Amino acid sequence: MDPIVGKYIGAGLAALGMGLAAMGVGNIFGNFLSGALRNPSAADGQFTRALIGAALAEGLGIFSFVVVIFLLFVV
């Protein structure tokens, strides 16, 4: 197999991480909203945890973006 083909396959697989991170953030806030509608008095205490979870998920998405850029332009 040509090394360039392997590079593009690896970059495509790493790019999946960005989409999966977006799905994770949607899942976090969807579940938070569902819980907040069921128990509004506990929503304020859980909002910070939802933001921390979203930040961690976005951080993994940004990390996978950096891996894609590294594979495409450096290697």
Protein backbone atom coordinates (compact mmCIF):
# COMPACT_ATOMS: atom_id res chain seq x y z
CA MET A 1 0.00 0.00 0.00
CA ASP A 2 1.18 3.46 -0.85
CA PRO A 3 2.21 5.51 2.23
CA ILE A 4 0.06 8.43 1.07
CA VAL A 5 -3.04 6.22 1.07
CA GLY A 6 -2.25 5.09 4.62
CA LYS A 7 -1.82 8.70 5.67
CA TYR A 8 -5.26 9.63 4.36
CA ILE A 9 -6.89 6.58 5.91
CA GLY A 10 -5.32 7.44 9.28
CA ALA A 11 -6.42 11.07 8.98
CA GLY A 12 -9.96 9.97 8.12
CA LEU A 13 -10.11 7.66 11.12
CA ALA A 14 -8.77 10.41 13.38
CA ALA A 15 -11.36 12.81 11.95
CA LEU A 16 -14.10 10.51 13.26
CA GLY A 17 -13.09 11.68 16.73
CA MET A 18 -14.31 15.19 15.95
CA GLY A 19 -17.76 13.98 15.00
CA LEU A 20 -17.95 11.65 17.96
CA ALA A 21 -16.95 14.50 20.30
CA ALA A 22 -19.81 16.59 18.89
CA MET A 23 -22.19 13.70 19.51
CA GLY A 24 -20.86 13.42 23.06
CA VAL A 25 -21.50 17.10 23.78
CA GLY A 26 -25.02 16.78 22.41
CA ASN A 27 -25.57 13.73 24.59
CA ILE A 28 -24.30 15.55 27.68
CA PHE A 29 -26.55 18.58 27.25
CA GLY A 30 -29.52 16.50 26.11
CA ASN A 31 -29.34 14.41 29.26
CA PHE A 32 -28.78 17.51 31.38
CA LEU A 33 -31.87 19.15 29.90
CA SER A 34 -33.91 16.02 30.44
CA GLY A 35 -32.82 15.84 34.08
CA ALA A 36 -33.34 19.56 34.62
CA LEU A 37 -36.90 19.33 33.35
CA ARG A 38 -37.62 16.43 35.68
CA ASN A 39 -36.04 18.02 38.75
CA PRO A 40 -35.59 21.79 38.29
CA SER A 41 -34.33 22.34 41.84
CA ALA A 42 -31.24 20.19 41.19
CA ALA A 43 -30.43 21.76 37.82
CA ASP A 44 -28.28 24.56 39.25
CA GLY A 45 -26.03 22.15 41.09
CA GLN A 46 -25.47 19.97 38.02
CA PHE A 47 -24.89 22.70 35.43
CA THR A 48 -21.22 23.09 36.35
CA ARG A 49 -20.67 19.35 35.96
CA ALA A 50 -22.37 19.45 32.55
CA LEU A 51 -20.04 22.25 31.44
CA ILE A 52 -16.98 20.36 32.67
CA GLY A 53 -18.08 17.25 30.80
CA ALA A 54 -18.69 19.25 27.64
CA ALA A 55 -15.28 20.90 27.94
CA LEU A 56 -13.58 17.53 28.29
CA ALA A 57 -15.46 16.15 25.28
CA GLU A 58 -14.56 19.21 23.21
CA GLY A 59 -10.96 18.88 24.32
CA LEU A 60 -10.86 15.37 22.90
CA GLY A 61 -12.39 16.65 19.66
CA ILE A 62 -9.74 19.34 19.40
CA PHE A 63 -7.04 16.76 20.14
CA SER A 64 -8.30 14.57 17.29
CA PHE A 65 -8.29 17.65 15.01
CA VAL A 66 -4.64 18.25 15.92
CA VAL A 67 -3.86 14.62 15.09
CA VAL A 68 -5.55 15.02 11.69
CA ILE A 69 -3.56 18.17 10.91
CA PHE A 70 -0.37 16.45 12.07
CA LEU A 71 -1.02 13.43 9.85
CA LEU A 72 -1.90 15.48 6.79
CA PHE A 73 0.78 18.15 6.90
CA VAL A 74 3.71 16.87 8.98
CA VAL A 75 4.05 13.16 8.38
